[in-house]
Amino acid sequence: MPLIFKREPANSHDANAIAIWIKARAFIFFTSEVQIGYLNADLAAEMARHIDHGGRLTGTVTEVTGGRGSKPTLGVNILLTKA
């Protein structure tokens, strides 16, 4: 499932924020975009400049983390590529 990266320069917490979205199937014929999180702040600061200068990001999920024991929430590791 390809990831969609959206810049959020008006984000009140981080002007470099980059949200991560996926296309999810809704019913049989429809899809909608669902936000799954954000790039971490350090990486977003670097990647925001790339996007702001016309670059694109592509990415795929390489691993789902957490979900048990002391880490009950899920996270993902992604392979991120500048295009």
PDB file of N, CA and C in Angstrom:
ATOM      1  N   MET A   1       0.843  -1.172   0.000  1.00  0.00           N
ATOM      2  CA  MET A   1       0.000   0.000   0.000  1.00  0.00           C
ATOM      3  C   MET A   1       0.895   1.245   0.000  1.00  0.00           C
ATOM      4  N   PRO A   2       0.810   2.062  -1.030  1.00  0.00           N
ATOM      5  CA  PRO A   2       1.656   3.261  -1.066  1.00  0.00           C
ATOM      6  C   PRO A   2       1.222   4.293  -0.029  1.00  0.00           C
ATOM      7  N   LEU A   3       2.187   5.036   0.440  1.00  0.00           N
ATOM      8  CA  LEU A   3       1.919   6.091   1.413  1.00  0.00           C
ATOM      9  C   LEU A   3       1.783   7.421   0.684  1.00  0.00           C
ATOM     10  N   ILE A   4       0.994   8.316   1.254  1.00  0.00           N
ATOM     11  CA  ILE A   4       0.793   9.664   0.722  1.00  0.00           C
ATOM     12  C   ILE A   4       1.318  10.633   1.773  1.00  0.00           C
ATOM     13  N   PHE A   5       2.187  11.547   1.360  1.00  0.00           N
ATOM     14  CA  PHE A   5       2.782  12.510   2.290  1.00  0.00           C
ATOM     15  C   PHE A   5       2.218  13.894   1.997  1.00  0.00           C
ATOM     16  N   LYS A   6       1.673  14.550   3.030  1.00  0.00           N
ATOM     17  CA  LYS A   6       1.061  15.867   2.868  1.00  0.00           C
ATOM     18  C   LYS A   6       1.713  16.859   3.824  1.00  0.00           C
ATOM     19  N   ARG A   7       2.256  17.930   3.244  1.00  0.00           N
ATOM     20  CA  ARG A   7       2.829  18.999   4.061  1.00  0.00           C
ATOM     21  C   ARG A   7       1.729  19.740   4.804  1.00  0.00           C
ATOM     22  N   GLU A   8       2.019  20.157   6.038  1.00  0.00           N
ATOM     23  CA  GLU A   8       1.088  20.944   6.841  1.00  0.00           C
ATOM     24  C   GLU A   8       1.813  22.170   7.403  1.00  0.00           C
ATOM     25  N   PRO A   9       2.139  23.142   6.540  1.00  0.00           N
ATOM     26  CA  PRO A   9       2.885  24.311   7.025  1.00  0.00           C
ATOM     27  C   PRO A   9       2.121  25.149   8.051  1.00  0.00           C
ATOM     28  N   ALA A  10       0.809  25.021   8.092  1.00  0.00           N
ATOM     29  CA  ALA A  10       0.009  25.777   9.064  1.00  0.00           C
ATOM     30  C   ALA A  10      -0.228  24.989  10.355  1.00  0.00           C
ATOM     31  N   ASN A  11       0.417  23.835  10.516  1.00  0.00           N
ATOM     32  CA  ASN A  11       0.254  23.025  11.720  1.00  0.00           C
ATOM     33  C   ASN A  11       0.743  23.819  12.930  1.00  0.00           C
ATOM     34  N   SER A  12      -0.098  23.965  13.945  1.00  0.00           N
ATOM     35  CA  SER A  12       0.237  24.800  15.108  1.00  0.00           C
ATOM     36  C   SER A  12       1.336  24.195  15.981  1.00  0.00           C
ATOM     37  N   HIS A  13       1.620  22.901  15.848  1.00  0.00           N
ATOM     38  CA  HIS A  13       2.655  22.258  16.654  1.00  0.00           C
ATOM     39  C   HIS A  13       4.012  22.243  15.963  1.00  0.00           C
ATOM     40  N   ASP A  14       4.013  22.221  14.627  1.00  0.00           N
ATOM     41  CA  ASP A  14       5.272  22.119  13.892  1.00  0.00           C
ATOM     42  C   ASP A  14       5.065  22.618  12.469  1.00  0.00           C
ATOM     43  N   ALA A  15       5.699  23.734  12.123  1.00  0.00           N
ATOM     44  CA  ALA A  15       5.563  24.303  10.779  1.00  0.00           C
ATOM     45  C   ALA A  15       6.155  23.398   9.703  1.00  0.00           C
ATOM     46  N   ASN A  16       6.966  22.418  10.097  1.00  0.00           N
ATOM     47  CA  ASN A  16       7.547  21.459   9.145  1.00  0.00           C
ATOM     48  C   ASN A  16       6.756  20.156   9.065  1.00  0.00           C
ATOM     49  N   ALA A  17       5.613  20.089   9.713  1.00  0.00           N
ATOM     50  CA  ALA A  17       4.846  18.837   9.819  1.00  0.00           C
ATOM     51  C   ALA A  17       4.535  18.237   8.446  1.00  0.00           C
ATOM     52  N   ILE A  18       4.686  16.915   8.389  1.00  0.00           N
ATOM     53  CA  ILE A  18       4.320  16.147   7.200  1.00  0.00           C
ATOM     54  C   ILE A  18       3.465  14.977   7.669  1.00  0.00           C
ATOM     55  N   ALA A  19       2.201  15.002   7.269  1.00  0.00           N
ATOM     56  CA  ALA A  19       1.265  13.943   7.636  1.00  0.00           C
ATOM     57  C   ALA A  19       1.424  12.767   6.679  1.00  0.00           C
ATOM     58  N   ILE A  20       1.171  11.562   7.193  1.00  0.00           N
ATOM     59  CA  ILE A  20       1.239  10.346   6.389  1.00  0.00           C
ATOM     60  C   ILE A  20      -0.178   9.789   6.266  1.00  0.00           C
ATOM     61  N   TRP A  21      -0.589   9.545   5.027  1.00  0.00           N
ATOM     62  CA  TRP A  21      -1.933   9.057   4.713  1.00  0.00           C
ATOM     63  C   TRP A  21      -1.838   7.787   3.882  1.00  0.00           C
ATOM     64  N   ILE A  22      -2.903   6.999   3.915  1.00  0.00           N
ATOM     65  CA  ILE A  22      -3.051   5.850   3.029  1.00  0.00           C
ATOM     66  C   ILE A  22      -4.429   5.929   2.382  1.00  0.00           C
ATOM     67  N   LYS A  23      -4.584   5.236   1.253  1.00  0.00           N
ATOM     68  CA  LYS A  23      -5.913   5.101   0.654  1.00  0.00           C
ATOM     69  C   LYS A  23      -6.517   3.819   1.188  1.00  0.00           C
ATOM     70  N   ALA A  24      -7.665   3.953   1.821  1.00  0.00           N
ATOM     71  CA  ALA A  24      -8.342   2.796   2.409  1.00  0.00           C
ATOM     72  C   ALA A  24      -9.634   2.534   1.641  1.00  0.00           C
ATOM     73  N   ARG A  25      -9.944   1.274   1.478  1.00  0.00           N
ATOM     74  CA  ARG A  25     -11.176   0.899   0.775  1.00  0.00           C
ATOM     75  C   ARG A  25     -12.364   1.073   1.719  1.00  0.00           C
ATOM     76  N   ALA A  26     -13.371   1.768   1.206  1.00  0.00           N
ATOM     77  CA  ALA A  26     -14.627   1.944   1.934  1.00  0.00           C
ATOM     78  C   ALA A  26     -15.716   1.293   1.095  1.00  0.00           C
ATOM     79  N   PHE A  27     -16.373   0.339   1.654  1.00  0.00           N
ATOM     80  CA  PHE A  27     -17.340  -0.476   0.914  1.00  0.00           C
ATOM     81  C   PHE A  27     -16.599  -1.204  -0.198  1.00  0.00           C
ATOM     82  N   ILE A  28     -17.241  -1.513  -1.285  1.00  0.00           N
ATOM     83  CA  ILE A  28     -16.588  -2.287  -2.347  1.00  0.00           C
ATOM     84  C   ILE A  28     -15.970  -1.378  -3.398  1.00  0.00           C
ATOM     85  N   PHE A  29     -16.638  -0.285  -3.730  1.00  0.00           N
ATOM     86  CA  PHE A  29     -16.235   0.524  -4.874  1.00  0.00           C
ATOM     87  C   PHE A  29     -15.524   1.820  -4.519  1.00  0.00           C
ATOM     88  N   PHE A  30     -15.540   2.213  -3.271  1.00  0.00           N
ATOM     89  CA  PHE A  30     -15.044   3.527  -2.905  1.00  0.00           C
ATOM     90  C   PHE A  30     -13.753   3.425  -2.090  1.00  0.00           C
ATOM     91  N   THR A  31     -12.897   4.429  -2.241  1.00  0.00           N
ATOM     92  CA  THR A  31     -11.721   4.537  -1.391  1.00  0.00           C
ATOM     93  C   THR A  31     -11.731   5.926  -0.756  1.00  0.00           C
ATOM     94  N   SER A  32     -11.103   6.016   0.379  1.00  0.00           N
ATOM     95  CA  SER A  32     -10.943   7.313   1.028  1.00  0.00           C
ATOM     96  C   SER A  32      -9.550   7.359   1.630  1.00  0.00           C
ATOM     97  N   GLU A  33      -9.052   8.554   1.833  1.00  0.00           N
ATOM     98  CA  GLU A  33      -7.741   8.709   2.449  1.00  0.00           C
ATOM     99  C   GLU A  33      -7.899   8.760   3.961  1.00  0.00           C
ATOM    100  N   VAL A  34      -6.994   8.050   4.656  1.00  0.00           N
ATOM    101  CA  VAL A  34      -7.016   7.968   6.116  1.00  0.00           C
ATOM    102  C   VAL A  34      -5.625   8.328   6.624  1.00  0.00           C
ATOM    103  N   GLN A  35      -5.572   9.252   7.573  1.00  0.00           N
ATOM    104  CA  GLN A  35      -4.278   9.626   8.136  1.00  0.00           C
ATOM    105  C   GLN A  35      -3.828   8.574   9.127  1.00  0.00           C
ATOM    106  N   ILE A  36      -2.551   8.141   8.996  1.00  0.00           N
ATOM    107  CA  ILE A  36      -2.020   7.148   9.937  1.00  0.00           C
ATOM    108  C   ILE A  36      -0.965   7.728  10.867  1.00  0.00           C
ATOM    109  N   GLY A  37      -0.572   8.976  10.665  1.00  0.00           N
ATOM    110  CA  GLY A  37       0.399   9.583  11.568  1.00  0.00           C
ATOM    111  C   GLY A  37       1.170  10.708  10.912  1.00  0.00           C
ATOM    112  N   TYR A  38       2.355  10.988  11.504  1.00  0.00           N
ATOM    113  CA  TYR A  38       3.235  12.049  11.030  1.00  0.00           C
ATOM    114  C   TYR A  38       4.666  11.527  10.985  1.00  0.00           C
ATOM    115  N   LEU A  39       5.475  12.124  10.116  1.00  0.00           N
ATOM    116  CA  LEU A  39       6.915  11.890  10.199  1.00  0.00           C
ATOM    117  C   LEU A  39       7.399  12.495  11.508  1.00  0.00           C
ATOM    118  N   ASN A  40       8.466  11.927  12.091  1.00  0.00           N
ATOM    119  CA  ASN A  40       8.977  12.533  13.319  1.00  0.00           C
ATOM    120  C   ASN A  40       9.551  13.911  12.987  1.00  0.00           C
ATOM    121  N   ALA A  41       9.619  14.776  13.974  1.00  0.00           N
ATOM    122  CA  ALA A  41       9.954  16.187  13.768  1.00  0.00           C
ATOM    123  C   ALA A  41      11.313  16.390  13.110  1.00  0.00           C
ATOM    124  N   ASP A  42      12.325  15.617  13.507  1.00  0.00           N
ATOM    125  CA  ASP A  42      13.653  15.796  12.917  1.00  0.00           C
ATOM    126  C   ASP A  42      13.656  15.467  11.433  1.00  0.00           C
ATOM    127  N   LEU A  43      13.030  14.366  11.065  1.00  0.00           N
ATOM    128  CA  LEU A  43      12.961  13.965   9.671  1.00  0.00           C
ATOM    129  C   LEU A  43      12.080  14.928   8.876  1.00  0.00           C
ATOM    130  N   ALA A  44      10.980  15.366   9.475  1.00  0.00           N
ATOM    131  CA  ALA A  44      10.076  16.301   8.791  1.00  0.00           C
ATOM    132  C   ALA A  44      10.778  17.612   8.476  1.00  0.00           C
ATOM    133  N   ALA A  45      11.643  18.093   9.360  1.00  0.00           N
ATOM    134  CA  ALA A  45      12.366  19.343   9.107  1.00  0.00           C
ATOM    135  C   ALA A  45      13.218  19.229   7.846  1.00  0.00           C
ATOM    136  N   GLU A  46      13.845  18.092   7.649  1.00  0.00           N
ATOM    137  CA  GLU A  46      14.662  17.876   6.455  1.00  0.00           C
ATOM    138  C   GLU A  46      13.796  17.683   5.208  1.00  0.00           C
ATOM    139  N   MET A  47      12.763  16.881   5.322  1.00  0.00           N
ATOM    140  CA  MET A  47      11.929  16.551   4.162  1.00  0.00           C
ATOM    141  C   MET A  47      11.027  17.711   3.745  1.00  0.00           C
ATOM    142  N   ALA A  48      10.645  18.584   4.679  1.00  0.00           N
ATOM    143  CA  ALA A  48       9.795  19.730   4.350  1.00  0.00           C
ATOM    144  C   ALA A  48      10.489  20.624   3.328  1.00  0.00           C
ATOM    145  N   ARG A  49      11.785  20.853   3.495  1.00  0.00           N
ATOM    146  CA  ARG A  49      12.536  21.668   2.531  1.00  0.00           C
ATOM    147  C   ARG A  49      12.500  21.036   1.140  1.00  0.00           C
ATOM    148  N   HIS A  50      12.644  19.723   1.103  1.00  0.00           N
ATOM    149  CA  HIS A  50      12.611  18.999  -0.175  1.00  0.00           C
ATOM    150  C   HIS A  50      11.253  19.196  -0.861  1.00  0.00           C
ATOM    151  N   ILE A  51      10.169  19.003  -0.129  1.00  0.00           N
ATOM    152  CA  ILE A  51       8.819  19.167  -0.693  1.00  0.00           C
ATOM    153  C   ILE A  51       8.577  20.620  -1.098  1.00  0.00           C
ATOM    154  N   ASP A  52       8.983  21.553  -0.245  1.00  0.00           N
ATOM    155  CA  ASP A  52       8.751  22.973  -0.512  1.00  0.00           C
ATOM    156  C   ASP A  52       9.491  23.461  -1.762  1.00  0.00           C
ATOM    157  N   HIS A  53      10.529  22.756  -2.159  1.00  0.00           N
ATOM    158  CA  HIS A  53      11.282  23.105  -3.366  1.00  0.00           C
ATOM    159  C   HIS A  53      10.882  22.244  -4.562  1.00  0.00           C
ATOM    160  N   GLY A  54       9.677  21.660  -4.498  1.00  0.00           N
ATOM    161  CA  GLY A  54       9.131  20.932  -5.632  1.00  0.00           C
ATOM    162  C   GLY A  54       9.381  19.438  -5.642  1.00  0.00           C
ATOM    163  N   GLY A  55      10.070  18.915  -4.634  1.00  0.00           N
ATOM    164  CA  GLY A  55      10.344  17.486  -4.572  1.00  0.00           C
ATOM    165  C   GLY A  55       9.132  16.690  -4.105  1.00  0.00           C
ATOM    166  N   ARG A  56       9.201  15.401  -4.317  1.00  0.00           N
ATOM    167  CA  ARG A  56       8.154  14.488  -3.861  1.00  0.00           C
ATOM    168  C   ARG A  56       8.761  13.444  -2.947  1.00  0.00           C
ATOM    169  N   LEU A  57       7.919  12.854  -2.121  1.00  0.00           N
ATOM    170  CA  LEU A  57       8.320  11.732  -1.280  1.00  0.00           C
ATOM    171  C   LEU A  57       7.483  10.529  -1.661  1.00  0.00           C
ATOM    172  N   THR A  58       8.103   9.370  -1.676  1.00  0.00           N
ATOM    173  CA  THR A  58       7.366   8.114  -1.805  1.00  0.00           C
ATOM    174  C   THR A  58       7.792   7.236  -0.643  1.00  0.00           C
ATOM    175  N   GLY A  59       6.934   6.321  -0.269  1.00  0.00           N
ATOM    176  CA  GLY A  59       7.284   5.460   0.851  1.00  0.00           C
ATOM    177  C   GLY A  59       6.385   4.252   0.940  1.00  0.00           C
ATOM    178  N   THR A  60       6.911   3.235   1.627  1.00  0.00           N
ATOM    179  CA  THR A  60       6.152   2.025   1.904  1.00  0.00           C
ATOM    180  C   THR A  60       6.412   1.609   3.345  1.00  0.00           C
ATOM    181  N   VAL A  61       5.445   0.947   3.928  1.00  0.00           N
ATOM    182  CA  VAL A  61       5.589   0.429   5.290  1.00  0.00           C
ATOM    183  C   VAL A  61       6.487  -0.804   5.245  1.00  0.00           C
ATOM    184  N   THR A  62       7.525  -0.830   6.091  1.00  0.00           N
ATOM    185  CA  THR A  62       8.416  -1.987   6.152  1.00  0.00           C
ATOM    186  C   THR A  62       8.164  -2.850   7.376  1.00  0.00           C
ATOM    187  N   GLU A  63       7.575  -2.247   8.431  1.00  0.00           N
ATOM    188  CA  GLU A  63       7.337  -2.995   9.661  1.00  0.00           C
ATOM    189  C   GLU A  63       6.291  -2.294  10.503  1.00  0.00           C
ATOM    190  N   VAL A  64       5.402  -3.056  11.081  1.00  0.00           N
ATOM    191  CA  VAL A  64       4.448  -2.537  12.067  1.00  0.00           C
ATOM    192  C   VAL A  64       5.030  -2.853  13.434  1.00  0.00           C
ATOM    193  N   THR A  65       5.086  -1.835  14.318  1.00  0.00           N
ATOM    194  CA  THR A  65       5.704  -2.011  15.633  1.00  0.00           C
ATOM    195  C   THR A  65       4.668  -1.790  16.726  1.00  0.00           C
ATOM    196  N   GLY A  66       4.991  -2.237  17.934  1.00  0.00           N
ATOM    197  CA  GLY A  66       4.122  -2.034  19.093  1.00  0.00           C
ATOM    198  C   GLY A  66       2.932  -2.980  19.090  1.00  0.00           C
ATOM    199  N   GLY A  67       1.892  -2.568  19.789  1.00  0.00           N
ATOM    200  CA  GLY A  67       0.656  -3.339  19.833  1.00  0.00           C
ATOM    201  C   GLY A  67       0.583  -4.380  20.922  1.00  0.00           C
ATOM    202  N   ARG A  68       1.547  -4.372  21.846  1.00  0.00           N
ATOM    203  CA  ARG A  68       1.480  -5.362  22.927  1.00  0.00           C
ATOM    204  C   ARG A  68       2.328  -4.897  24.129  1.00  0.00           C
ATOM    205  N   GLY A  69       2.057  -5.495  25.246  1.00  0.00           N
ATOM    206  CA  GLY A  69       2.832  -5.243  26.466  1.00  0.00           C
ATOM    207  C   GLY A  69       2.963  -3.778  26.823  1.00  0.00           C
ATOM    208  N   SER A  70       4.192  -3.329  26.960  1.00  0.00           N
ATOM    209  CA  SER A  70       4.450  -1.953  27.375  1.00  0.00           C
ATOM    210  C   SER A  70       4.269  -0.954  26.228  1.00  0.00           C
ATOM    211  N   LYS A  71       4.038  -1.442  25.004  1.00  0.00           N
ATOM    212  CA  LYS A  71       3.801  -0.569  23.852  1.00  0.00           C
ATOM    213  C   LYS A  71       2.455  -0.927  23.206  1.00  0.00           C
ATOM    214  N   PRO A  72       1.352  -0.500  23.845  1.00  0.00           N
ATOM    215  CA  PRO A  72       0.031  -0.920  23.350  1.00  0.00           C
ATOM    216  C   PRO A  72      -0.396  -0.245  22.045  1.00  0.00           C
ATOM    217  N   THR A  73       0.208   0.901  21.693  1.00  0.00           N
ATOM    218  CA  THR A  73      -0.167   1.553  20.440  1.00  0.00           C
ATOM    219  C   THR A  73       0.708   1.043  19.302  1.00  0.00           C
ATOM    220  N   LEU A  74       0.187   1.153  18.096  1.00  0.00           N
ATOM    221  CA  LEU A  74       0.922   0.698  16.923  1.00  0.00           C
ATOM    222  C   LEU A  74       1.713   1.837  16.311  1.00  0.00           C
ATOM    223  N   GLY A  75       2.823   1.505  15.713  1.00  0.00           N
ATOM    224  CA  GLY A  75       3.625   2.432  14.940  1.00  0.00           C
ATOM    225  C   GLY A  75       4.091   1.716  13.689  1.00  0.00           C
ATOM    226  N   VAL A  76       4.717   2.445  12.789  1.00  0.00           N
ATOM    227  CA  VAL A  76       5.254   1.813  11.593  1.00  0.00           C
ATOM    228  C   VAL A  76       6.645   2.354  11.301  1.00  0.00           C
ATOM    229  N   ASN A  77       7.468   1.502  10.743  1.00  0.00           N
ATOM    230  CA  ASN A  77       8.729   1.919  10.157  1.00  0.00           C
ATOM    231  C   ASN A  77       8.493   1.982   8.663  1.00  0.00           C
ATOM    232  N   ILE A  78       9.025   3.022   8.018  1.00  0.00           N
ATOM    233  CA  ILE A  78       8.790   3.176   6.596  1.00  0.00           C
ATOM    234  C   ILE A  78      10.113   3.307   5.848  1.00  0.00           C
ATOM    235  N   LEU A  79      10.073   2.930   4.588  1.00  0.00           N
ATOM    236  CA  LEU A  79      11.176   3.177   3.667  1.00  0.00           C
ATOM    237  C   LEU A  79      10.775   4.405   2.883  1.00  0.00           C
ATOM    238  N   LEU A  80      11.523   5.481   3.062  1.00  0.00           N
ATOM    239  CA  LEU A  80      11.191   6.789   2.491  1.00  0.00           C
ATOM    240  C   LEU A  80      12.187   7.098   1.382  1.00  0.00           C
ATOM    241  N   THR A  81      11.676   7.575   0.239  1.00  0.00           N
ATOM    242  CA  THR A  81      12.532   7.899  -0.893  1.00  0.00           C
ATOM    243  C   THR A  81      12.181   9.285  -1.397  1.00  0.00           C
ATOM    244  N   LYS A  82      13.211  10.094  -1.651  1.00  0.00           N
ATOM    245  CA  LYS A  82      13.002  11.396  -2.283  1.00  0.00           C
ATOM    246  C   LYS A  82      12.871  11.187  -3.778  1.00  0.00           C
ATOM    247  N   ALA A  83      11.908  11.863  -4.388  1.00  0.00           N
ATOM    248  CA  ALA A  83      11.722  11.774  -5.845  1.00  0.00           C
ATOM    249  C   ALA A  83      11.719  13.173  -6.428  1.00  0.00           C
TER     250      ALA A  83
END
